[in-house]
Amino acid sequence: MFEELFGNCPQAKVLQFLFSAPVDEYTKQQIAIGSGISRVTLDKFINKFIENEIIIHRNSRYILNTSSEFIRKLDIAHEEFIKFHFNKQLEELEEEYDELSDEELDEIFNNIPDELDFDELENEIEINEEILVNKNVYENLKDYYLTFSDKEISLSDFSSINDKKWYTMDVIE
């Protein structure tokens, strides 16, 4: 929204970035990288953002000032902008499609090969799925694997806490 309304200026990029995660705190470097601008460019106007109470600076970190009246109104405008574009896209998406009779649908579903095993297909997709992790997580996983590489490990417990999966493992010697 900000870039579309205010142009491709660095201030709009910073606002867009900060609005994407308004409760997170960032260093100057993180803001610059997240916004796609240089640190030098950020230094040119970050103090204006602080003076105008757009962001708060504390302990060498910066956070969007969500208690600022200006930011609250900008957030409302941002939500309205999103709704406007969403509704506009819905109007443009009125696709024409062919309605199929029950007989035509039955014919399509009957042409699916009997030997197609959806469970097997799902397992194959999971096996070939690429999972991306950051470098720190990779190093921790690598260290963990190396620690237990000489021992057999069995999964003994599974529980879900705060939407995160936790596993406890027993080492079999």
N, C-alpha and C. Protein backbone atom coordinates (compact mmCIF):
# COMPACT_ATOMS: atom_id res chain seq x y z
N MET A 1 0.82 -1.19 0.00
CA MET A 1 0.00 0.00 0.00
C MET A 1 0.85 1.25 0.00
N PHE A 2 1.83 1.29 0.89
CA PHE A 2 2.61 2.51 1.07
C PHE A 2 3.37 2.88 -0.20
N GLU A 3 3.99 1.87 -0.81
CA GLU A 3 4.73 2.15 -2.04
C GLU A 3 3.79 2.55 -3.17
N GLU A 4 2.62 1.93 -3.22
CA GLU A 4 1.68 2.26 -4.28
C GLU A 4 1.15 3.68 -4.12
N LEU A 5 0.91 4.09 -2.89
CA LEU A 5 0.38 5.44 -2.65
C LEU A 5 1.46 6.52 -2.63
N PHE A 6 2.58 6.22 -1.99
CA PHE A 6 3.61 7.23 -1.76
C PHE A 6 4.81 7.11 -2.68
N GLY A 7 4.81 6.12 -3.55
CA GLY A 7 5.91 5.94 -4.47
C GLY A 7 6.97 5.02 -3.91
N ASN A 8 8.02 4.87 -4.67
CA ASN A 8 9.09 3.94 -4.33
C ASN A 8 10.15 4.62 -3.46
N CYS A 9 9.70 5.41 -2.50
CA CYS A 9 10.66 6.13 -1.64
C CYS A 9 11.04 5.25 -0.45
N PRO A 10 12.20 5.47 0.13
CA PRO A 10 12.67 4.62 1.23
C PRO A 10 11.77 4.69 2.46
N GLN A 11 11.16 5.86 2.72
CA GLN A 11 10.27 5.99 3.87
C GLN A 11 9.07 5.06 3.73
N ALA A 12 8.51 4.98 2.52
CA ALA A 12 7.38 4.09 2.28
C ALA A 12 7.80 2.63 2.47
N LYS A 13 8.99 2.29 2.03
CA LYS A 13 9.48 0.92 2.18
C LYS A 13 9.65 0.57 3.66
N VAL A 14 10.16 1.50 4.44
CA VAL A 14 10.34 1.26 5.87
C VAL A 14 8.98 1.10 6.55
N LEU A 15 8.03 1.98 6.23
CA LEU A 15 6.69 1.85 6.81
C LEU A 15 6.07 0.51 6.46
N GLN A 16 6.19 0.11 5.20
CA GLN A 16 5.63 -1.17 4.77
C GLN A 16 6.25 -2.31 5.58
N PHE A 17 7.55 -2.27 5.76
CA PHE A 17 8.23 -3.31 6.52
C PHE A 17 7.78 -3.32 7.98
N LEU A 18 7.73 -2.15 8.61
CA LEU A 18 7.36 -2.07 10.02
C LEU A 18 5.90 -2.49 10.24
N PHE A 19 5.03 -2.17 9.30
CA PHE A 19 3.63 -2.57 9.42
C PHE A 19 3.45 -4.08 9.23
N SER A 20 4.41 -4.74 8.60
CA SER A 20 4.29 -6.18 8.40
C SER A 20 4.44 -6.94 9.72
N ALA A 21 5.14 -6.38 10.69
CA ALA A 21 5.30 -6.99 12.02
C ALA A 21 5.41 -5.86 13.04
N PRO A 22 4.28 -5.24 13.38
CA PRO A 22 4.30 -4.01 14.17
C PRO A 22 4.75 -4.16 15.62
N VAL A 23 4.82 -5.35 16.15
CA VAL A 23 5.22 -5.49 17.55
C VAL A 23 6.66 -5.96 17.71
N ASP A 24 7.32 -6.24 16.61
CA ASP A 24 8.71 -6.69 16.68
C ASP A 24 9.65 -5.50 16.80
N GLU A 25 10.77 -5.73 17.47
CA GLU A 25 11.80 -4.71 17.60
C GLU A 25 12.94 -5.06 16.65
N TYR A 26 13.53 -4.02 16.05
CA TYR A 26 14.57 -4.23 15.04
C TYR A 26 15.76 -3.32 15.29
N THR A 27 16.91 -3.77 14.82
CA THR A 27 18.08 -2.90 14.77
C THR A 27 17.97 -2.08 13.48
N LYS A 28 18.82 -1.08 13.34
CA LYS A 28 18.83 -0.31 12.10
C LYS A 28 19.15 -1.21 10.90
N GLN A 29 20.09 -2.11 11.09
CA GLN A 29 20.48 -3.00 10.00
C GLN A 29 19.32 -3.89 9.57
N GLN A 30 18.57 -4.41 10.54
CA GLN A 30 17.42 -5.26 10.22
C GLN A 30 16.35 -4.48 9.46
N ILE A 31 16.11 -3.25 9.88
CA ILE A 31 15.12 -2.42 9.19
C ILE A 31 15.57 -2.15 7.76
N ALA A 32 16.84 -1.82 7.59
CA ALA A 32 17.36 -1.52 6.25
C ALA A 32 17.24 -2.75 5.34
N ILE A 33 17.66 -3.89 5.82
CA ILE A 33 17.60 -5.10 5.01
C ILE A 33 16.15 -5.49 4.73
N GLY A 34 15.32 -5.48 5.76
CA GLY A 34 13.91 -5.84 5.59
C GLY A 34 13.17 -4.91 4.65
N SER A 35 13.59 -3.65 4.60
CA SER A 35 12.95 -2.66 3.74
C SER A 35 13.54 -2.62 2.35
N GLY A 36 14.70 -3.21 2.19
CA GLY A 36 15.36 -3.20 0.88
C GLY A 36 16.03 -1.88 0.57
N ILE A 37 16.51 -1.20 1.62
CA ILE A 37 17.24 0.06 1.42
C ILE A 37 18.59 -0.05 2.10
N SER A 38 19.45 0.92 1.86
CA SER A 38 20.77 0.88 2.50
C SER A 38 20.68 1.48 3.90
N ARG A 39 21.62 1.10 4.72
CA ARG A 39 21.69 1.63 6.09
C ARG A 39 21.94 3.13 6.06
N VAL A 40 22.75 3.59 5.11
CA VAL A 40 23.05 5.02 4.98
C VAL A 40 21.77 5.79 4.68
N THR A 41 20.94 5.26 3.78
CA THR A 41 19.68 5.91 3.44
C THR A 41 18.77 5.96 4.66
N LEU A 42 18.71 4.88 5.41
CA LEU A 42 17.88 4.85 6.63
C LEU A 42 18.35 5.90 7.63
N ASP A 43 19.65 6.05 7.77
CA ASP A 43 20.19 7.03 8.71
C ASP A 43 19.77 8.46 8.38
N LYS A 44 19.45 8.71 7.12
CA LYS A 44 19.07 10.06 6.70
C LYS A 44 17.73 10.50 7.26
N PHE A 45 16.83 9.54 7.55
CA PHE A 45 15.49 9.96 7.99
C PHE A 45 14.98 9.27 9.24
N ILE A 46 15.75 8.35 9.82
CA ILE A 46 15.23 7.62 10.98
C ILE A 46 14.98 8.55 12.17
N ASN A 47 15.80 9.58 12.33
CA ASN A 47 15.58 10.52 13.43
C ASN A 47 14.28 11.30 13.25
N LYS A 48 13.89 11.59 12.02
CA LYS A 48 12.61 12.25 11.75
C LYS A 48 11.46 11.34 12.15
N PHE A 49 11.60 10.06 11.90
CA PHE A 49 10.57 9.10 12.31
C PHE A 49 10.43 9.09 13.83
N ILE A 50 11.57 9.19 14.53
CA ILE A 50 11.54 9.20 15.99
C ILE A 50 10.91 10.51 16.48
N GLU A 51 11.33 11.64 15.92
CA GLU A 51 10.79 12.95 16.31
C GLU A 51 9.28 13.02 16.08
N ASN A 52 8.80 12.44 15.00
CA ASN A 52 7.38 12.47 14.68
C ASN A 52 6.60 11.31 15.31
N GLU A 53 7.26 10.61 16.22
CA GLU A 53 6.67 9.52 16.99
C GLU A 53 6.10 8.40 16.12
N ILE A 54 6.73 8.17 14.98
CA ILE A 54 6.35 7.06 14.11
C ILE A 54 6.96 5.77 14.64
N ILE A 55 8.20 5.87 15.12
CA ILE A 55 8.87 4.73 15.75
C ILE A 55 9.41 5.15 17.10
N ILE A 56 9.67 4.16 17.92
CA ILE A 56 10.25 4.38 19.24
C ILE A 56 11.63 3.74 19.24
N HIS A 57 12.59 4.45 19.81
CA HIS A 57 13.96 3.94 19.90
C HIS A 57 14.26 3.64 21.36
N ARG A 58 14.64 2.39 21.63
CA ARG A 58 15.04 2.02 22.99
C ARG A 58 16.05 0.88 22.93
N ASN A 59 17.10 1.04 23.68
CA ASN A 59 18.14 0.01 23.77
C ASN A 59 18.67 -0.41 22.40
N SER A 60 18.99 0.53 21.57
CA SER A 60 19.52 0.32 20.22
C SER A 60 18.59 -0.48 19.31
N ARG A 61 17.33 -0.53 19.65
CA ARG A 61 16.31 -1.20 18.83
C ARG A 61 15.19 -0.22 18.53
N TYR A 62 14.47 -0.51 17.45
CA TYR A 62 13.40 0.36 16.99
C TYR A 62 12.12 -0.46 16.84
N ILE A 63 11.00 0.17 17.19
CA ILE A 63 9.71 -0.50 17.10
C ILE A 63 8.68 0.51 16.62
N LEU A 64 7.72 0.04 15.85
CA LEU A 64 6.65 0.91 15.38
C LEU A 64 5.86 1.40 16.58
N ASN A 65 5.58 2.69 16.63
CA ASN A 65 4.85 3.29 17.75
C ASN A 65 3.35 3.10 17.55
N THR A 66 2.84 1.96 17.96
CA THR A 66 1.43 1.63 17.74
C THR A 66 0.49 2.45 18.61
N SER A 67 1.01 3.17 19.59
CA SER A 67 0.15 4.03 20.40
C SER A 67 0.02 5.43 19.80
N SER A 68 0.78 5.71 18.77
CA SER A 68 0.70 7.01 18.09
C SER A 68 -0.62 7.12 17.33
N GLU A 69 -1.28 8.25 17.47
CA GLU A 69 -2.54 8.50 16.77
C GLU A 69 -2.33 8.42 15.26
N PHE A 70 -1.23 8.97 14.78
CA PHE A 70 -0.91 8.94 13.35
C PHE A 70 -0.79 7.50 12.84
N ILE A 71 -0.09 6.66 13.58
CA ILE A 71 0.12 5.26 13.18
C ILE A 71 -1.21 4.51 13.23
N ARG A 72 -2.04 4.78 14.24
CA ARG A 72 -3.35 4.11 14.30
C ARG A 72 -4.20 4.47 13.09
N LYS A 73 -4.20 5.74 12.71
CA LYS A 73 -4.99 6.16 11.56
C LYS A 73 -4.39 5.60 10.26
N LEU A 74 -3.10 5.54 10.19
CA LEU A 74 -2.44 4.96 9.03
C LEU A 74 -2.77 3.47 8.92
N ASP A 75 -2.86 2.80 10.05
CA ASP A 75 -3.23 1.39 10.07
C ASP A 75 -4.66 1.20 9.58
N ILE A 76 -5.56 2.07 9.99
CA ILE A 76 -6.94 2.00 9.52
C ILE A 76 -6.99 2.23 8.02
N ALA A 77 -6.23 3.21 7.54
CA ALA A 77 -6.17 3.48 6.11
C ALA A 77 -5.59 2.27 5.36
N HIS A 78 -4.59 1.64 5.95
CA HIS A 78 -3.97 0.45 5.36
C HIS A 78 -5.00 -0.67 5.23
N GLU A 79 -5.78 -0.90 6.27
CA GLU A 79 -6.82 -1.94 6.23
C GLU A 79 -7.87 -1.61 5.17
N GLU A 80 -8.28 -0.37 5.08
CA GLU A 80 -9.27 0.04 4.08
C GLU A 80 -8.73 -0.13 2.67
N PHE A 81 -7.46 0.18 2.49
CA PHE A 81 -6.81 0.02 1.20
C PHE A 81 -6.81 -1.45 0.78
N ILE A 82 -6.50 -2.32 1.74
CA ILE A 82 -6.49 -3.75 1.47
C ILE A 82 -7.89 -4.23 1.09
N LYS A 83 -8.90 -3.81 1.85
CA LYS A 83 -10.29 -4.19 1.54
C LYS A 83 -10.69 -3.71 0.15
N PHE A 84 -10.32 -2.48 -0.17
CA PHE A 84 -10.65 -1.91 -1.47
C PHE A 84 -10.06 -2.76 -2.59
N HIS A 85 -8.78 -3.08 -2.47
CA HIS A 85 -8.12 -3.88 -3.51
C HIS A 85 -8.64 -5.31 -3.54
N PHE A 86 -8.97 -5.85 -2.40
CA PHE A 86 -9.52 -7.20 -2.35
C PHE A 86 -10.86 -7.24 -3.09
N ASN A 87 -11.73 -6.29 -2.79
CA ASN A 87 -13.04 -6.24 -3.45
C ASN A 87 -12.90 -5.98 -4.95
N LYS A 88 -11.94 -5.14 -5.31
CA LYS A 88 -11.70 -4.86 -6.72
C LYS A 88 -11.26 -6.14 -7.45
N GLN A 89 -10.38 -6.90 -6.83
CA GLN A 89 -9.92 -8.14 -7.43
C GLN A 89 -11.05 -9.16 -7.51
N LEU A 90 -11.92 -9.19 -6.52
CA LEU A 90 -13.05 -10.11 -6.56
C LEU A 90 -13.96 -9.80 -7.74
N GLU A 91 -14.18 -8.51 -7.99
CA GLU A 91 -15.02 -8.11 -9.12
C GLU A 91 -14.38 -8.53 -10.44
N GLU A 92 -13.06 -8.43 -10.54
CA GLU A 92 -12.36 -8.78 -11.77
C GLU A 92 -12.26 -10.28 -11.97
N LEU A 93 -12.45 -11.05 -10.91
CA LEU A 93 -12.26 -12.50 -10.99
C LEU A 93 -13.52 -13.27 -11.33
N GLU A 94 -14.53 -12.61 -11.78
CA GLU A 94 -15.74 -13.33 -12.13
C GLU A 94 -15.46 -14.22 -13.33
N GLU A 95 -14.96 -15.39 -13.02
CA GLU A 95 -14.59 -16.34 -14.06
C GLU A 95 -15.81 -17.07 -14.59
N GLU A 96 -15.75 -17.35 -15.84
CA GLU A 96 -16.78 -18.20 -16.41
C GLU A 96 -16.30 -19.63 -16.30
N TYR A 97 -17.19 -20.49 -15.95
CA TYR A 97 -16.83 -21.89 -15.85
C TYR A 97 -18.00 -22.73 -16.35
N ASP A 98 -17.66 -23.91 -16.73
CA ASP A 98 -18.67 -24.84 -17.24
C ASP A 98 -19.23 -25.63 -16.08
N GLU A 99 -20.54 -25.63 -15.98
CA GLU A 99 -21.17 -26.48 -14.98
C GLU A 99 -21.26 -27.88 -15.53
N LEU A 100 -20.89 -28.83 -14.71
CA LEU A 100 -20.93 -30.22 -15.15
C LEU A 100 -22.09 -30.93 -14.48
N SER A 101 -22.70 -31.79 -15.23
CA SER A 101 -23.79 -32.59 -14.68
C SER A 101 -23.20 -33.68 -13.79
N ASP A 102 -24.06 -34.31 -13.00
CA ASP A 102 -23.61 -35.39 -12.14
C ASP A 102 -23.01 -36.53 -12.96
N GLU A 103 -23.59 -36.79 -14.11
CA GLU A 103 -23.08 -37.86 -14.98
C GLU A 103 -21.68 -37.53 -15.48
N GLU A 104 -21.47 -36.27 -15.86
CA GLU A 104 -20.15 -35.86 -16.35
C GLU A 104 -19.11 -35.94 -15.23
N LEU A 105 -19.49 -35.54 -14.02
CA LEU A 105 -18.58 -35.64 -12.88
C LEU A 105 -18.26 -37.10 -12.57
N ASP A 106 -19.28 -37.96 -12.61
CA ASP A 106 -19.05 -39.39 -12.39
C ASP A 106 -18.07 -39.95 -13.41
N GLU A 107 -18.23 -39.55 -14.66
CA GLU A 107 -17.34 -40.03 -15.72
C GLU A 107 -15.90 -39.60 -15.46
N ILE A 108 -15.72 -38.36 -15.02
CA ILE A 108 -14.36 -37.86 -14.72
C ILE A 108 -13.75 -38.65 -13.58
N PHE A 109 -14.52 -38.85 -12.49
CA PHE A 109 -13.99 -39.56 -11.33
C PHE A 109 -13.79 -41.05 -11.61
N ASN A 110 -14.59 -41.59 -12.50
CA ASN A 110 -14.42 -43.00 -12.85
C ASN A 110 -13.18 -43.23 -13.71
N ASN A 111 -12.67 -42.20 -14.33
CA ASN A 111 -11.49 -42.33 -15.18
C ASN A 111 -10.18 -42.22 -14.40
N ILE A 112 -10.28 -42.01 -13.10
CA ILE A 112 -9.07 -41.99 -12.26
C ILE A 112 -8.61 -43.43 -12.11
N PRO A 113 -7.34 -43.70 -12.41
CA PRO A 113 -6.85 -45.08 -12.34
C PRO A 113 -7.03 -45.68 -10.95
N ASP A 114 -7.45 -46.94 -10.90
CA ASP A 114 -7.65 -47.63 -9.63
C ASP A 114 -6.34 -47.79 -8.86
N GLU A 115 -5.26 -47.93 -9.62
CA GLU A 115 -3.97 -48.17 -8.96
C GLU A 115 -3.34 -46.90 -8.37
N LEU A 116 -4.00 -45.76 -8.50
CA LEU A 116 -3.49 -44.52 -7.94
C LEU A 116 -3.72 -44.52 -6.44
N ASP A 117 -2.65 -44.59 -5.68
CA ASP A 117 -2.71 -44.63 -4.23
C ASP A 117 -2.38 -43.24 -3.69
N PHE A 118 -3.41 -42.55 -3.20
CA PHE A 118 -3.22 -41.18 -2.73
C PHE A 118 -2.32 -41.11 -1.50
N ASP A 119 -2.39 -42.12 -0.63
CA ASP A 119 -1.51 -42.14 0.54
C ASP A 119 -0.06 -42.25 0.12
N GLU A 120 0.20 -43.13 -0.86
CA GLU A 120 1.56 -43.29 -1.36
C GLU A 120 2.05 -42.01 -2.03
N LEU A 121 1.16 -41.37 -2.78
CA LEU A 121 1.49 -40.11 -3.44
C LEU A 121 1.82 -39.03 -2.41
N GLU A 122 1.03 -38.98 -1.35
CA GLU A 122 1.29 -38.01 -0.28
C GLU A 122 2.62 -38.29 0.40
N ASN A 123 2.92 -39.54 0.67
CA ASN A 123 4.21 -39.90 1.29
C ASN A 123 5.37 -39.51 0.39
N GLU A 124 5.22 -39.74 -0.92
CA GLU A 124 6.27 -39.38 -1.87
C GLU A 124 6.51 -37.87 -1.88
N ILE A 125 5.43 -37.12 -1.81
CA ILE A 125 5.56 -35.66 -1.76
C ILE A 125 6.29 -35.23 -0.50
N GLU A 126 5.92 -35.84 0.64
CA GLU A 126 6.57 -35.50 1.91
C GLU A 126 8.05 -35.84 1.89
N ILE A 127 8.40 -36.98 1.31
CA ILE A 127 9.80 -37.39 1.25
C ILE A 127 10.62 -36.42 0.41
N ASN A 128 10.03 -35.96 -0.69
CA ASN A 128 10.75 -35.08 -1.60
C ASN A 128 10.60 -33.60 -1.26
N GLU A 129 9.86 -33.31 -0.19
CA GLU A 129 9.63 -31.92 0.18
C GLU A 129 10.93 -31.28 0.67
N GLU A 130 11.17 -30.08 0.20
CA GLU A 130 12.35 -29.35 0.61
C GLU A 130 11.98 -28.45 1.78
N ILE A 131 12.72 -28.57 2.86
CA ILE A 131 12.46 -27.75 4.04
C ILE A 131 13.62 -26.79 4.21
N LEU A 132 13.31 -25.50 4.27
CA LEU A 132 14.33 -24.49 4.40
C LEU A 132 14.45 -24.07 5.87
N VAL A 133 15.68 -24.01 6.37
CA VAL A 133 15.93 -23.54 7.73
C VAL A 133 17.06 -22.53 7.67
N ASN A 134 17.10 -21.66 8.68
CA ASN A 134 18.19 -20.69 8.69
C ASN A 134 19.49 -21.36 9.17
N LYS A 135 20.57 -20.66 9.05
CA LYS A 135 21.89 -21.24 9.32
C LYS A 135 22.03 -21.71 10.77
N ASN A 136 21.50 -20.94 11.72
CA ASN A 136 21.62 -21.34 13.13
C ASN A 136 20.88 -22.64 13.41
N VAL A 137 19.68 -22.78 12.86
CA VAL A 137 18.91 -24.01 13.06
C VAL A 137 19.64 -25.17 12.41
N TYR A 138 20.18 -24.94 11.20
CA TYR A 138 20.93 -26.00 10.50
C TYR A 138 22.12 -26.46 11.35
N GLU A 139 22.86 -25.52 11.91
CA GLU A 139 24.03 -25.88 12.71
C GLU A 139 23.61 -26.67 13.94
N ASN A 140 22.51 -26.26 14.59
CA ASN A 140 22.02 -26.99 15.77
C ASN A 140 21.59 -28.41 15.40
N LEU A 141 20.88 -28.55 14.27
CA LEU A 141 20.46 -29.87 13.82
C LEU A 141 21.66 -30.74 13.48
N LYS A 142 22.65 -30.13 12.82
CA LYS A 142 23.85 -30.88 12.44
C LYS A 142 24.58 -31.35 13.70
N ASP A 143 24.74 -30.46 14.68
CA ASP A 143 25.40 -30.83 15.93
C ASP A 143 24.63 -31.93 16.65
N TYR A 144 23.32 -31.83 16.66
CA TYR A 144 22.48 -32.84 17.31
C TYR A 144 22.66 -34.19 16.61
N TYR A 145 22.63 -34.17 15.29
CA TYR A 145 22.79 -35.41 14.52
C TYR A 145 24.14 -36.03 14.79
N LEU A 146 25.19 -35.22 14.80
CA LEU A 146 26.54 -35.75 15.03
C LEU A 146 26.67 -36.32 16.44
N THR A 147 26.01 -35.71 17.42
CA THR A 147 26.07 -36.18 18.79
C THR A 147 25.48 -37.58 18.92
N PHE A 148 24.38 -37.82 18.22
CA PHE A 148 23.68 -39.09 18.35
C PHE A 148 23.91 -40.04 17.18
N SER A 149 24.85 -39.75 16.31
CA SER A 149 25.03 -40.57 15.11
C SER A 149 25.48 -41.99 15.44
N ASP A 150 26.16 -42.20 16.57
CA ASP A 150 26.62 -43.54 16.91
C ASP A 150 25.60 -44.31 17.74
N LYS A 151 24.47 -43.72 18.05
CA LYS A 151 23.48 -44.36 18.90
C LYS A 151 22.17 -44.47 18.15
N GLU A 152 21.38 -45.48 18.47
CA GLU A 152 20.07 -45.64 17.86
C GLU A 152 19.07 -44.83 18.68
N ILE A 153 18.25 -44.06 18.01
CA ILE A 153 17.29 -43.20 18.70
C ILE A 153 15.89 -43.64 18.33
N SER A 154 15.01 -43.72 19.33
CA SER A 154 13.61 -44.04 19.03
C SER A 154 12.71 -42.94 19.55
N LEU A 155 11.66 -42.68 18.83
CA LEU A 155 10.71 -41.66 19.22
C LEU A 155 9.80 -42.25 20.28
N SER A 156 9.78 -41.65 21.48
CA SER A 156 8.99 -42.24 22.55
C SER A 156 7.79 -41.41 22.96
N ASP A 157 7.78 -40.13 22.63
CA ASP A 157 6.67 -39.29 23.07
C ASP A 157 6.48 -38.16 22.09
N PHE A 158 5.24 -37.82 21.88
CA PHE A 158 4.91 -36.67 21.03
C PHE A 158 3.86 -35.85 21.75
N SER A 159 4.05 -34.56 21.80
CA SER A 159 3.02 -33.68 22.35
C SER A 159 3.07 -32.36 21.62
N SER A 160 1.94 -31.66 21.62
CA SER A 160 1.85 -30.37 20.93
C SER A 160 1.63 -29.30 21.98
N ILE A 161 2.56 -28.39 22.08
CA ILE A 161 2.48 -27.30 23.05
C ILE A 161 2.60 -26.00 22.30
N ASN A 162 1.61 -25.13 22.46
CA ASN A 162 1.61 -23.82 21.79
C ASN A 162 1.83 -23.96 20.29
N ASP A 163 1.16 -24.91 19.68
CA ASP A 163 1.23 -25.14 18.24
C ASP A 163 2.63 -25.50 17.75
N LYS A 164 3.51 -25.89 18.64
CA LYS A 164 4.84 -26.34 18.24
C LYS A 164 4.92 -27.83 18.56
N LYS A 165 5.59 -28.57 17.73
CA LYS A 165 5.73 -30.00 17.97
C LYS A 165 6.97 -30.25 18.82
N TRP A 166 6.79 -31.01 19.87
CA TRP A 166 7.91 -31.34 20.75
C TRP A 166 8.06 -32.85 20.77
N TYR A 167 9.27 -33.31 20.64
CA TYR A 167 9.56 -34.73 20.65
C TYR A 167 10.52 -35.02 21.79
N THR A 168 10.25 -36.10 22.47
CA THR A 168 11.26 -36.58 23.43
C THR A 168 11.79 -37.87 22.87
N MET A 169 13.07 -38.09 23.00
CA MET A 169 13.69 -39.27 22.41
C MET A 169 14.45 -40.06 23.45
N ASP A 170 14.38 -41.36 23.33
CA ASP A 170 15.17 -42.24 24.17
C ASP A 170 16.35 -42.74 23.38
N VAL A 171 17.49 -42.74 23.98
CA VAL A 171 18.67 -43.27 23.33
C VAL A 171 18.79 -44.74 23.72
N ILE A 172 18.84 -45.59 22.72
CA ILE A 172 18.96 -47.04 22.95
C ILE A 172 20.43 -47.41 22.76
N GLU A 173 21.01 -47.96 23.80
CA GLU A 173 22.43 -48.31 23.71
C GLU A 173 22.62 -49.79 23.65
